[in-house]
Protein backbone atom coordinates (compact mmCIF):
# COMPACT_ATOMS: atom_id res chain seq x y z
CA MET A 1 -16.16 -3.27 -19.78
CA LYS A 2 -19.51 -1.91 -18.69
CA ILE A 3 -20.59 1.54 -19.84
CA THR A 4 -23.16 3.70 -18.10
CA GLY A 5 -24.69 6.97 -19.08
CA GLN A 6 -24.05 9.34 -21.92
CA PRO A 7 -22.40 12.76 -21.98
CA GLU A 8 -24.74 15.19 -20.27
CA GLN A 9 -27.43 16.68 -22.49
CA PRO A 10 -29.78 19.60 -21.76
CA MET A 11 -32.93 18.36 -20.04
CA GLN A 12 -36.45 19.71 -19.88
CA ARG A 13 -36.88 20.45 -16.17
CA ARG A 14 -40.24 20.29 -14.47
CA ARG A 15 -40.55 22.19 -11.20
CA PHE A 16 -43.43 21.04 -9.07
CA LEU A 17 -41.34 21.54 -5.92
CA GLN A 18 -39.26 24.71 -6.08
CA THR A 19 -36.34 23.33 -4.07
CA GLY A 20 -33.85 24.23 -6.77
CA SER A 21 -33.22 27.73 -5.47
CA LEU A 22 -32.18 26.48 -2.08
CA LEU A 23 -28.73 25.19 -2.90
CA LEU A 24 -25.93 24.63 -5.39
CA GLY A 25 -26.43 27.94 -7.13
CA GLY A 26 -28.47 27.53 -10.30
CA LEU A 27 -28.47 23.74 -10.10
CA GLY A 28 -31.10 22.57 -7.65
CA LEU A 29 -30.79 19.41 -5.61
CA ASN A 30 -33.78 17.91 -7.38
CA ASP A 31 -32.18 18.65 -10.76
CA LEU A 32 -28.89 17.19 -9.59
CA LEU A 33 -30.54 13.98 -8.44
CA ARG A 34 -32.48 13.71 -11.69
CA LEU A 35 -29.37 14.28 -13.79
CA ARG A 36 -27.44 11.69 -11.84
CA ALA A 37 -30.08 9.01 -12.21
CA HIS A 38 -30.52 9.86 -15.91
CA SER A 39 -26.79 9.52 -16.55
CA VAL A 40 -26.06 6.47 -14.41
CA GLY A 41 -29.14 4.39 -15.07
CA GLU A 42 -30.83 1.98 -12.70
CA ARG A 43 -28.46 0.12 -10.39
CA SER A 44 -28.81 -2.28 -7.51
CA PRO A 45 -28.46 -0.94 -3.95
CA GLU A 46 -24.86 -0.26 -2.97
CA PRO A 47 -23.02 -1.79 0.01
CA ASP A 48 -23.17 0.09 3.28
CA THR A 49 -19.56 1.32 3.13
CA SER A 50 -18.00 4.76 3.43
CA VAL A 51 -14.65 6.51 2.95
CA ILE A 52 -13.25 9.54 4.77
CA LEU A 53 -10.38 11.10 2.82
CA LEU A 54 -8.10 13.43 4.79
CA TRP A 55 -6.32 15.21 1.94
CA LEU A 56 -3.06 16.79 3.12
CA GLU A 57 -2.75 19.23 0.25
CA GLY A 58 0.79 20.42 -0.29
CA GLY A 59 2.46 17.07 0.30
CA PRO A 60 3.51 16.07 3.83
CA SER A 61 7.10 15.02 4.39
CA HIS A 62 7.34 11.28 4.96
CA MET A 63 10.70 11.96 6.65
CA GLU A 64 8.97 13.94 9.44
CA THR A 65 5.82 11.85 9.86
CA TYR A 66 5.67 8.12 9.10
CA ASP A 67 9.04 7.12 7.61
CA LEU A 68 11.85 8.67 9.64
CA LYS A 69 15.46 7.65 8.95
CA PRO A 70 17.43 8.09 12.21
CA GLU A 71 20.49 6.33 10.77
CA ALA A 72 20.69 8.50 7.64
CA PRO A 73 23.23 11.32 7.31
CA ALA A 74 22.30 14.52 9.18
CA GLU A 75 21.30 16.39 6.03
CA TYR A 76 18.65 13.71 5.40
CA ARG A 77 17.26 12.76 8.78
CA GLY A 78 16.13 16.17 10.01
CA GLU A 79 15.54 17.18 13.64
CA PHE A 80 13.03 14.62 14.86
CA THR A 81 13.44 11.06 16.09
CA PRO A 82 11.08 8.11 15.68
CA ILE A 83 9.27 6.62 18.66
CA PRO A 84 8.09 3.03 19.03
CA THR A 85 4.37 2.26 18.99
CA ARG A 86 2.33 -0.53 20.49
CA VAL A 87 3.02 -2.49 17.26
CA ALA A 88 6.53 -3.89 16.96
CA GLY A 89 8.36 -2.57 13.91
CA LEU A 90 5.92 0.32 13.36
CA ASP A 91 7.40 3.62 14.48
CA VAL A 92 6.26 7.20 13.95
CA CYS A 93 7.54 10.71 14.59
CA GLU A 94 8.03 11.77 18.21
CA LEU A 95 5.41 14.48 17.63
CA LEU A 96 2.75 11.78 17.07
CA PRO A 97 2.46 10.06 20.49
CA LYS A 98 -1.29 9.52 20.17
CA HIS A 99 -0.69 7.69 16.90
CA ALA A 100 1.78 5.49 18.77
CA ALA A 101 -0.87 4.55 21.33
CA ILE A 102 -3.35 3.29 18.70
CA ALA A 103 -0.98 1.83 16.10
CA ASP A 104 -2.91 -1.45 16.11
CA LYS A 105 -5.84 0.46 14.58
CA PHE A 106 -4.09 1.75 11.45
CA SER A 107 -1.55 0.64 8.88
CA LEU A 108 1.12 2.60 7.04
CA ILE A 109 1.99 2.25 3.37
CA ARG A 110 5.54 3.47 2.87
CA SER A 111 6.23 2.46 -0.73
CA ILE A 112 3.78 4.31 -2.99
CA SER A 113 5.42 6.45 -5.66
CA HIS A 114 4.74 8.17 -8.98
CA ASN A 115 6.52 10.65 -11.25
CA VAL A 116 4.48 13.87 -11.22
CA ILE A 117 6.30 16.69 -9.44
CA ASP A 118 3.86 19.64 -9.44
CA HIS A 119 0.99 19.96 -6.95
CA PRO A 120 -2.04 19.95 -9.29
CA GLY A 121 -0.76 17.22 -11.58
CA ALA A 122 0.35 15.06 -8.66
CA ALA A 123 -3.08 15.41 -7.04
CA GLY A 124 -4.72 14.47 -10.32
CA ARG A 125 -2.36 11.52 -10.74
CA PHE A 126 -3.06 10.26 -7.23
CA LEU A 127 -6.82 10.82 -7.10
CA THR A 128 -7.75 9.80 -10.67
CA GLY A 129 -5.22 7.09 -11.40
CA ARG A 130 -4.32 8.80 -14.70
CA GLN A 131 -1.18 10.53 -15.91
CA PRO A 132 -1.85 14.25 -16.54
CA ARG A 133 -0.90 15.93 -19.80
CA ASP A 134 -0.17 19.20 -18.03
CA ILE A 135 1.26 18.75 -14.54
CA SER A 136 0.29 22.32 -13.62
CA ALA A 137 -3.34 22.12 -14.77
CA THR A 138 -5.61 22.91 -11.83
CA VAL A 139 -8.47 20.76 -13.19
CA SER A 140 -8.06 17.12 -14.11
CA ARG A 141 -9.11 15.61 -17.44
CA PHE A 142 -10.38 12.57 -15.53
CA PRO A 143 -12.72 12.31 -12.53
CA THR A 144 -11.29 11.75 -9.06
CA PHE A 145 -12.30 8.67 -7.14
CA PRO A 146 -14.51 10.67 -4.69
CA ALA A 147 -16.44 12.06 -7.66
CA ILE A 148 -16.89 8.55 -9.06
CA VAL A 149 -18.15 7.28 -5.71
CA GLY A 150 -20.62 10.16 -5.44
CA ARG A 151 -21.81 9.62 -8.99
CA LEU A 152 -22.47 5.93 -8.46
CA ARG A 153 -23.94 6.11 -4.97
CA GLU A 154 -26.21 9.18 -4.95
CA PRO A 155 -28.95 8.36 -7.49
CA HIS A 156 -30.31 5.32 -5.71
CA ALA A 157 -29.24 5.88 -2.13
CA ARG A 158 -31.93 4.94 0.35
CA ARG A 159 -30.31 6.91 3.12
CA GLY A 160 -31.43 10.38 4.10
CA VAL A 161 -28.16 12.26 3.64
CA PRO A 162 -26.12 13.32 0.59
CA GLN A 163 -23.70 10.62 -0.53
CA TYR A 164 -20.68 12.76 -1.46
CA ILE A 165 -19.73 15.68 0.79
CA SER A 166 -16.58 17.80 0.75
CA ASN A 167 -15.26 21.01 2.27
CA LYS A 168 -14.23 22.10 -1.25
CA ARG A 169 -15.96 21.85 -4.60
CA ALA A 170 -12.79 20.34 -6.04
CA PHE A 171 -9.26 19.77 -4.82
CA LYS A 172 -6.54 21.56 -6.77
CA GLY A 173 -5.76 19.27 -9.71
CA GLY A 174 -8.95 17.26 -9.29
CA GLY A 175 -12.54 17.66 -10.43
CA THR A 176 -15.39 15.74 -11.99
CA ALA A 177 -14.13 15.97 -15.62
CA TYR A 178 -16.55 14.31 -18.07
CA LEU A 179 -18.87 13.22 -15.23
CA GLY A 180 -19.93 16.88 -15.12
CA GLN A 181 -22.16 18.54 -12.54
CA THR A 182 -23.84 15.27 -11.66
CA ALA A 183 -20.73 14.23 -9.74
CA GLN A 184 -20.19 17.47 -7.79
CA PRO A 185 -20.05 17.14 -4.01
CA PHE A 186 -22.35 18.87 -1.57
CA VAL A 187 -19.97 21.47 -0.19
CA ILE A 188 -19.46 22.26 3.49
CA GLU A 189 -18.23 25.84 3.62
CA GLY A 190 -16.84 27.57 6.66
CA ASP A 191 -15.16 26.40 9.83
CA PRO A 192 -17.08 23.69 11.74
CA SER A 193 -15.41 24.85 14.96
CA ALA A 194 -16.92 28.34 14.67
CA LYS A 195 -19.76 29.13 17.09
CA ASP A 196 -22.00 30.35 14.27
CA PHE A 197 -21.16 27.47 11.91
CA LYS A 198 -23.94 26.22 9.68
CA VAL A 199 -23.94 24.50 6.31
CA ALA A 200 -25.18 27.16 3.95
CA ASN A 201 -26.05 24.96 1.00
CA LEU A 202 -27.61 22.11 2.97
CA SER A 203 -29.10 23.45 6.16
CA VAL A 204 -32.74 24.48 6.06
CA ASP A 205 -34.27 26.92 8.48
CA ALA A 206 -37.58 26.18 10.10
CA SER A 207 -39.69 28.26 7.73
CA VAL A 208 -38.19 26.66 4.64
CA ALA A 209 -38.49 23.19 6.15
CA GLU A 210 -42.17 23.85 6.88
CA ARG A 211 -42.75 24.96 3.29
CA LEU A 212 -40.98 21.86 2.01
CA ASP A 213 -43.08 19.64 4.27
CA ASP A 214 -46.24 21.33 2.96
CA ARG A 215 -45.14 20.94 -0.65
CA LEU A 216 -44.17 17.35 -0.10
CA ARG A 217 -47.55 16.54 1.42
CA LEU A 218 -49.26 18.35 -1.46
CA SER A 219 -47.16 16.43 -3.97
CA ARG A 220 -48.08 13.12 -2.36
CA ASP A 221 -51.78 14.05 -2.34
CA PHE A 222 -51.51 14.98 -6.00
CA ASP A 223 -49.78 11.67 -6.76
CA ARG A 224 -52.59 9.71 -5.12
CA MET A 225 -55.21 11.74 -6.96
CA ARG A 226 -53.70 11.07 -10.36
CA GLU A 227 -52.86 7.37 -9.91
CA ASP A 228 -55.74 6.29 -12.11
CA LEU A 229 -54.61 8.67 -14.85
CA ASP A 230 -50.91 7.85 -14.84
CA LEU A 231 -51.12 4.29 -16.10
CA SER A 232 -47.55 4.24 -17.44
CA GLY A 233 -45.94 5.58 -14.30
CA THR A 234 -44.09 8.29 -16.24
CA LEU A 235 -45.36 11.17 -14.15
CA ALA A 236 -44.53 9.44 -10.91
CA ALA A 237 -41.01 8.70 -12.13
CA GLY A 238 -40.53 12.32 -13.09
CA ASP A 239 -41.53 13.52 -9.64
CA ARG A 240 -39.57 11.12 -7.48
CA PHE A 241 -36.47 13.32 -7.78
CA ASP A 242 -38.39 16.34 -6.56
CA GLN A 243 -39.62 14.32 -3.62
CA ARG A 244 -36.13 12.95 -2.89
CA ALA A 245 -34.80 16.52 -2.88
CA ALA A 246 -37.50 17.72 -0.53
CA GLU A 247 -37.07 14.74 1.76
CA LEU A 248 -33.32 15.28 1.84
CA LEU A 249 -33.60 18.96 2.67
CA SER A 250 -36.36 18.63 5.22
CA SER A 251 -35.39 15.32 6.79
CA THR A 252 -34.28 15.13 10.39
CA ALA A 253 -31.48 12.80 9.24
CA THR A 254 -29.89 15.58 7.21
CA ARG A 255 -30.35 18.23 9.87
CA ASP A 256 -29.15 15.96 12.66
CA ALA A 257 -26.07 14.78 10.78
CA PHE A 258 -24.79 18.34 10.47
CA ASP A 259 -25.64 19.37 14.02
CA LEU A 260 -22.42 19.17 16.01
CA SER A 261 -24.16 20.55 19.09
CA GLN A 262 -25.61 17.07 19.60
CA GLU A 263 -22.13 15.76 20.45
CA ASP A 264 -20.87 15.65 24.02
CA ASP A 265 -18.52 18.52 24.80
CA ARG A 266 -15.88 16.08 26.02
CA LEU A 267 -15.82 14.32 22.67
CA ARG A 268 -15.63 17.63 20.83
CA ASP A 269 -12.70 18.59 23.03
CA ARG A 270 -11.07 15.24 22.31
CA TYR A 271 -11.11 15.95 18.59
CA GLY A 272 -9.86 19.49 19.14
CA ARG A 273 -11.75 22.77 18.86
CA ASN A 274 -10.31 23.71 15.49
CA MET A 275 -11.24 23.34 11.84
CA TRP A 276 -9.56 19.97 11.39
CA GLY A 277 -10.91 18.52 14.61
CA GLN A 278 -14.52 19.56 14.25
CA GLY A 279 -14.43 18.77 10.52
CA ALA A 280 -13.32 15.23 11.32
CA LEU A 281 -16.06 14.88 13.92
CA LEU A 282 -18.58 16.10 11.37
CA ALA A 283 -17.22 13.53 8.89
CA ARG A 284 -17.79 10.79 11.46
CA ARG A 285 -21.38 11.96 11.98
CA LEU A 286 -21.96 11.98 8.22
CA VAL A 287 -20.70 8.47 7.54
CA GLU A 288 -22.56 7.21 10.57
CA ALA A 289 -25.74 8.71 9.09
CA GLY A 290 -25.05 7.02 5.74
CA THR A 291 -22.89 9.33 3.61
CA SER A 292 -20.63 7.26 1.34
CA MET A 293 -17.79 9.72 0.66
CA VAL A 294 -16.44 12.59 2.75
CA SER A 295 -13.39 14.47 1.43
CA LEU A 296 -11.66 17.02 3.65
CA ASP A 297 -8.92 19.26 2.29
CA TRP A 298 -6.47 19.74 5.17
CA GLY A 299 -4.04 22.07 3.44
CA GLY A 300 -3.79 24.17 6.58
CA ILE A 301 -5.92 25.60 9.35
CA SER A 302 -4.85 29.23 9.40
CA ARG A 303 -1.89 31.55 9.03
CA LEU A 304 -0.70 30.25 12.40
CA VAL A 305 -0.98 26.61 11.32
CA PRO A 306 0.47 26.51 7.80
CA GLY A 307 -0.08 23.86 5.17
CA TRP A 308 2.20 20.98 4.23
CA ASP A 309 4.18 22.65 1.41
CA ASP A 310 7.41 22.91 3.40
CA HIS A 311 9.94 24.21 0.87
CA GLY A 312 11.78 26.44 3.29
CA ASP A 313 11.40 29.61 1.27
CA GLY A 314 8.06 30.36 2.92
CA GLN A 315 8.21 28.44 6.18
CA HIS A 316 10.66 26.56 8.39
CA ILE A 317 9.79 22.87 8.03
CA PHE A 318 10.77 21.84 11.56
CA LYS A 319 9.06 24.78 13.26
CA SER A 320 5.96 24.23 11.12
CA MET A 321 5.88 20.55 11.98
CA ARG A 322 6.10 21.36 15.70
CA ILE A 323 2.95 23.44 15.33
CA ARG A 324 1.09 21.25 12.87
CA LEU A 325 1.79 17.65 13.92
CA PRO A 326 0.40 17.78 17.48
CA ILE A 327 -2.92 19.01 16.08
CA PHE A 328 -2.87 16.39 13.34
CA ASP A 329 -1.99 13.73 15.93
CA THR A 330 -4.94 14.65 18.12
CA VAL A 331 -7.48 14.76 15.31
CA VAL A 332 -6.49 11.60 13.47
CA SER A 333 -6.23 9.50 16.63
CA ALA A 334 -9.60 10.80 17.89
CA LEU A 335 -11.30 9.98 14.60
CA ILE A 336 -9.85 6.47 14.42
CA GLU A 337 -10.70 5.67 18.05
CA ASP A 338 -14.20 7.13 17.74
CA LEU A 339 -14.96 4.99 14.68
CA HIS A 340 -13.71 1.90 16.50
CA ASP A 341 -15.65 2.72 19.67
CA ARG A 342 -18.85 2.97 17.62
CA GLY A 343 -18.22 -0.26 15.71
CA LEU A 344 -17.80 1.58 12.43
CA ASP A 345 -14.26 0.45 11.69
CA ARG A 346 -15.32 -2.32 9.30
CA ARG A 347 -17.63 -0.25 7.15
CA VAL A 348 -15.70 3.05 7.22
CA LEU A 349 -12.25 3.47 5.68
CA VAL A 350 -10.06 6.45 6.66
CA ILE A 351 -7.23 7.55 4.36
CA ALA A 352 -4.72 10.27 5.24
CA THR A 353 -2.40 11.31 2.42
CA GLY A 354 -1.17 14.13 0.25
CA GLU A 355 -0.15 14.20 -3.39
CA PHE A 356 3.50 13.29 -2.78
CA GLY A 357 6.30 13.24 -0.19
CA ARG A 358 9.19 15.66 0.23
CA THR A 359 12.85 15.54 -0.80
CA PRO A 360 14.82 13.26 1.50
CA ARG A 361 17.68 15.75 1.64
CA VAL A 362 16.98 18.93 3.61
CA ASN A 363 17.67 22.12 1.66
CA MET A 364 17.53 25.81 2.44
CA GLY A 365 14.62 26.84 0.27
CA ARG A 366 14.29 27.52 -3.43
CA ALA A 367 15.24 31.19 -3.15
CA LYS A 368 18.65 32.41 -4.32
CA VAL A 369 19.47 33.38 -0.76
CA PRO A 370 18.88 30.57 1.76
CA ILE A 371 16.05 31.30 4.19
CA PHE A 372 14.74 28.32 6.19
CA PRO A 373 15.39 24.59 6.14
CA GLY A 374 12.83 22.78 4.03
CA ARG A 375 12.14 19.95 1.64
CA ASP A 376 10.91 20.20 -1.95
CA HIS A 377 8.41 18.09 -3.93
CA TRP A 378 9.24 14.38 -4.09
CA PRO A 379 6.77 11.95 -5.72
CA GLN A 380 9.35 9.15 -5.72
CA ALA A 381 8.46 8.29 -2.11
CA MET A 382 5.53 9.01 0.20
CA SER A 383 3.67 7.53 3.14
CA VAL A 384 -0.08 6.88 3.41
CA LEU A 385 -2.08 6.08 6.55
CA VAL A 386 -5.13 3.83 6.24
CA SER A 387 -7.51 2.77 8.98
CA GLY A 388 -10.63 0.63 9.13
CA GLY A 389 -12.48 -0.77 6.16
CA GLY A 390 -12.16 -4.25 7.62
CA TRP A 391 -8.56 -4.19 6.38
CA GLN A 392 -5.56 -5.68 8.17
CA MET A 393 -4.34 -3.09 10.65
CA GLY A 394 -1.20 -2.72 12.74
CA GLN A 395 1.34 -3.22 9.98
CA VAL A 396 3.71 -1.47 7.62
CA VAL A 397 3.40 -2.20 3.92
CA GLY A 398 6.57 -1.67 1.90
CA ALA A 399 9.71 0.28 2.72
CA THR A 400 11.95 2.95 1.27
CA ASN A 401 15.72 2.81 1.10
CA SER A 402 17.97 3.98 3.94
CA LYS A 403 17.72 7.64 2.88
CA GLY A 404 13.97 7.64 2.14
CA GLU A 405 14.57 8.27 -1.56
CA HIS A 406 12.53 5.57 -3.28
CA PRO A 407 10.79 2.24 -2.58
CA ALA A 408 13.20 -0.53 -1.69
CA ARG A 409 10.55 -3.17 -0.96
CA ARG A 410 7.02 -3.71 -2.30
CA ALA A 411 6.95 -0.80 -4.77
CA LEU A 412 3.36 0.36 -5.26
CA ASP A 413 1.51 2.72 -7.57
CA PRO A 414 -1.29 5.10 -6.47
CA ASN A 415 -3.57 2.92 -8.59
CA ASP A 416 -2.96 -0.02 -6.26
CA LEU A 417 -4.42 2.02 -3.42
CA LEU A 418 -7.32 3.13 -5.64
CA ALA A 419 -7.99 -0.48 -6.63
CA SER A 420 -8.10 -1.37 -2.93
CA ILE A 421 -10.53 1.47 -2.20
CA PHE A 422 -12.83 0.51 -5.07
CA ARG A 423 -12.82 -3.11 -3.93
CA PHE A 424 -13.84 -2.01 -0.44
CA LEU A 425 -16.67 0.09 -1.89
CA GLY A 426 -17.87 -2.63 -4.22
CA VAL A 427 -17.04 -0.58 -7.33
CA ASP A 428 -15.97 -2.45 -10.46
CA PRO A 429 -12.79 -0.70 -11.73
CA ASP A 430 -13.58 -1.94 -15.25
CA HIS A 431 -16.83 -0.03 -15.20
CA ALA A 432 -16.68 2.71 -17.86
CA PHE A 433 -18.18 6.15 -18.32
CA PRO A 434 -18.28 7.91 -21.69
CA ASP A 435 -16.01 10.92 -21.97
CA ARG A 436 -17.06 14.13 -23.71
CA HIS A 437 -16.51 12.46 -27.08
CA GLY A 438 -18.54 9.40 -26.17
CA ARG A 439 -15.52 7.15 -25.78
CA PRO A 440 -15.76 4.59 -22.94
CA MET A 441 -13.34 5.41 -20.12
CA PRO A 442 -12.84 2.71 -17.49
CA ILE A 443 -12.73 3.86 -13.90
CA LEU A 444 -9.21 2.48 -13.52
CA THR A 445 -6.77 1.49 -16.26
CA HIS A 446 -4.46 -0.53 -14.02
CA GLY A 447 -3.76 -1.33 -10.39
CA ARG A 448 -4.30 -4.31 -8.09
CA PRO A 449 -5.67 -4.33 -4.54
CA ILE A 450 -2.89 -4.36 -1.94
CA SER A 451 -2.99 -7.94 -0.72
CA GLU A 452 -1.40 -7.22 2.66
CA LEU A 453 -4.32 -4.94 3.51
CA VAL A 454 -7.41 -6.39 1.86
């Protein structure tokens, strides 16, 4: 077991470049980079691999998406029928025809399960690989895998963009835990489909960029002037984080990666002119530019396109799916095809999942008086879509029983998926970080890569 870093300690912060006020509130980008390198230590360059996580917060019903049961009793099977895809034996919901057309470019895992029934705890269980003490706690005691990836990749990245980017600081039930602020993502706020969209905490206007360029040139001149004095290299080491911050903020790579206007209008239309669609297109631009981890919370687009928590007391599951799934179908298929068209399918892995599935039996809501048909929380069975990563595509891994209640073949744990992701990223799951008490905590306590995929 390898241990890196120590629990975060207060640091004396030198500010030659005043980039700290530009983003992340009181924690400047230069400070963040310095903290990360201080806590992780020197590491070799990381593989050129990336993950896009499409987090379907609320828990999508496997019975309406990727694991329909047309032969089950009526109270189980719901209103939709499965349709065949271009891959024999792989079928999907009738509302996902674009999925059907590209089924050779993704695989479905139908046999992952766990035992945490509340949203926050289930998210923590799935994303951290650890059992929560409190299933309703909104912040996890352990870091999520995106936070771990960001922590390991950012300090020594040679690419000109941030390594961990998300549209939320933390998913409900997730967080950075004992990795602290050094593992926080760079947050994309707002709707990428909006005409006035800009990334508030990363974009730099022309005047600021010019000041950063001036300061960076001044810093480099100062470095050359003092070379004879700084025999130990300590001063230069202390300033490289300031320079990395300035380069990141003022680089054309960063500005270009977030500029959706550079994309052809036809491609933007193909993704869909909505928050999910343009967010996915932005994710593709980011991984193409070198970002290692992009996490998008797709809990819902708006009041008109509700999230995936289809109990029936708040929304009609079948009506909601008729609104939601065509949009989801368009966006996911566009992202997968775009990555393949650009030759990124081997180095970029796409994962679409929520924290659990839904009850196989349709109910009429949790209210005392029945309202709408719906399905409740069900961690005993769920479906996960994976695409790319150089994995084996065009297959179904595992199966649930005839009523979609639990795995009947190839039962898997969320940790098996996490182990597969870490293997793809070149992360040693035995690698350990110290918790807040200094105890070594391995990245993953158990789990084996899914052999059918990797």
